[in-house]
Amino acid sequence: MVNIKDLEKNILVEVSNAKSLQDLQSIKLKELGKKGRISLLMKSLSDVSNVDKKSLGKLYNELRIKIIEAFEVKEQEIDTVGGLVFYIA
């Protein structure tokens, strides 16, 4: 079983270290894309019992939302920094 907190921490570190929108897009695809780690977690819910499905589904969805929010924040940060560099130059 995947440790959700470790996965979340690893993804958030990757997002934080992204230097460009291309880096960010690559990470997003790797994590949230059709064959991404989070997508595979969501798909794995079909293999668990109904008792576990509700709690795991909630955890996986919370993880997905946190990661999406982190992507949005980092994207704005990169856009802002890029805009400032462009404006100053």
Protein backbone atom coordinates (compact mmCIF):
# COMPACT_ATOMS: atom_id res chain seq x y z
CA MET A 1 0.00 0.00 0.00
CA VAL A 2 1.19 3.50 -0.84
CA ASN A 3 2.01 5.87 2.01
CA ILE A 4 -0.17 8.87 1.12
CA LYS A 5 1.77 11.37 3.24
CA ASP A 6 5.09 10.39 1.64
CA LEU A 7 3.58 10.57 -1.82
CA GLU A 8 2.09 13.98 -1.08
CA LYS A 9 5.39 15.26 0.33
CA ASN A 10 7.36 14.00 -2.69
CA ILE A 11 4.99 15.55 -5.20
CA LEU A 12 4.85 18.87 -3.35
CA VAL A 13 8.66 19.00 -3.28
CA GLU A 14 8.77 18.35 -7.03
CA VAL A 15 6.20 21.09 -7.64
CA SER A 16 8.08 23.48 -5.39
CA ASN A 17 11.33 22.83 -7.26
CA ALA A 18 9.79 23.41 -10.71
CA LYS A 19 11.56 26.29 -12.45
CA SER A 20 9.37 26.72 -15.51
CA LEU A 21 5.86 26.09 -16.75
CA GLN A 22 7.25 23.25 -18.86
CA ASP A 23 8.72 21.60 -15.74
CA LEU A 24 5.41 22.05 -13.98
CA GLN A 25 3.44 20.59 -16.88
CA SER A 26 5.74 17.57 -16.98
CA ILE A 27 5.23 16.93 -13.27
CA LYS A 28 1.49 17.45 -13.59
CA LEU A 29 1.29 14.89 -16.37
CA LYS A 30 3.40 12.41 -14.41
CA GLU A 31 1.23 12.73 -11.29
CA LEU A 32 -2.27 13.59 -12.51
CA GLY A 33 -2.26 12.37 -16.10
CA LYS A 34 -4.14 9.31 -17.31
CA LYS A 35 -1.31 7.03 -16.19
CA GLY A 36 -0.17 9.28 -13.33
CA ARG A 37 0.40 8.07 -9.81
CA ILE A 38 -2.67 9.78 -8.39
CA SER A 39 -4.87 8.60 -11.24
CA LEU A 40 -3.67 5.04 -10.65
CA LEU A 41 -4.49 5.38 -6.96
CA MET A 42 -8.00 6.50 -7.82
CA LYS A 43 -8.41 3.57 -10.22
CA SER A 44 -7.18 1.15 -7.56
CA LEU A 45 -10.28 1.90 -5.50
CA SER A 46 -12.18 -0.62 -7.59
CA ASP A 47 -10.00 -3.35 -6.03
CA VAL A 48 -10.73 -2.55 -2.38
CA SER A 49 -13.67 -3.53 -0.22
CA ASN A 50 -16.65 -1.22 0.07
CA VAL A 51 -15.73 -0.61 3.71
CA ASP A 52 -12.27 0.70 2.77
CA LYS A 53 -13.39 2.39 -0.43
CA LYS A 54 -15.08 5.32 1.30
CA SER A 55 -12.15 6.22 3.56
CA LEU A 56 -9.49 5.63 0.90
CA GLY A 57 -11.51 7.52 -1.69
CA LYS A 58 -11.71 10.49 0.64
CA LEU A 59 -7.95 10.40 1.30
CA TYR A 60 -7.09 10.07 -2.39
CA ASN A 61 -9.43 12.88 -3.33
CA GLU A 62 -7.99 15.17 -0.64
CA LEU A 63 -4.51 14.38 -1.96
CA ARG A 64 -5.58 15.15 -5.52
CA ILE A 65 -7.10 18.48 -4.47
CA LYS A 66 -3.97 19.50 -2.49
CA ILE A 67 -1.76 18.67 -5.44
CA ILE A 68 -3.96 20.57 -7.91
CA GLU A 69 -3.92 23.60 -5.60
CA ALA A 70 -0.13 23.39 -5.32
CA PHE A 71 0.13 23.32 -9.13
CA GLU A 72 -2.11 26.38 -9.42
CA VAL A 73 -0.11 28.34 -6.82
CA LYS A 74 3.22 27.43 -8.42
CA GLU A 75 1.91 28.27 -11.88
CA GLN A 76 0.90 31.75 -10.69
CA GLU A 77 4.27 32.14 -8.98
CA ILE A 78 6.14 31.24 -12.16
CA ASP A 79 3.91 33.53 -14.25
CA THR A 80 4.45 36.42 -11.83
CA VAL A 81 8.21 35.97 -11.69
CA GLY A 82 8.38 35.57 -15.46
CA GLY A 83 6.27 38.69 -15.93
CA LEU A 84 8.45 40.70 -13.58
CA VAL A 85 11.64 39.60 -15.31
CA PHE A 86 10.13 40.44 -18.67
CA TYR A 87 8.87 43.81 -17.44
CA ILE A 88 12.18 44.78 -15.85
CA ALA A 89 14.20 43.71 -18.86
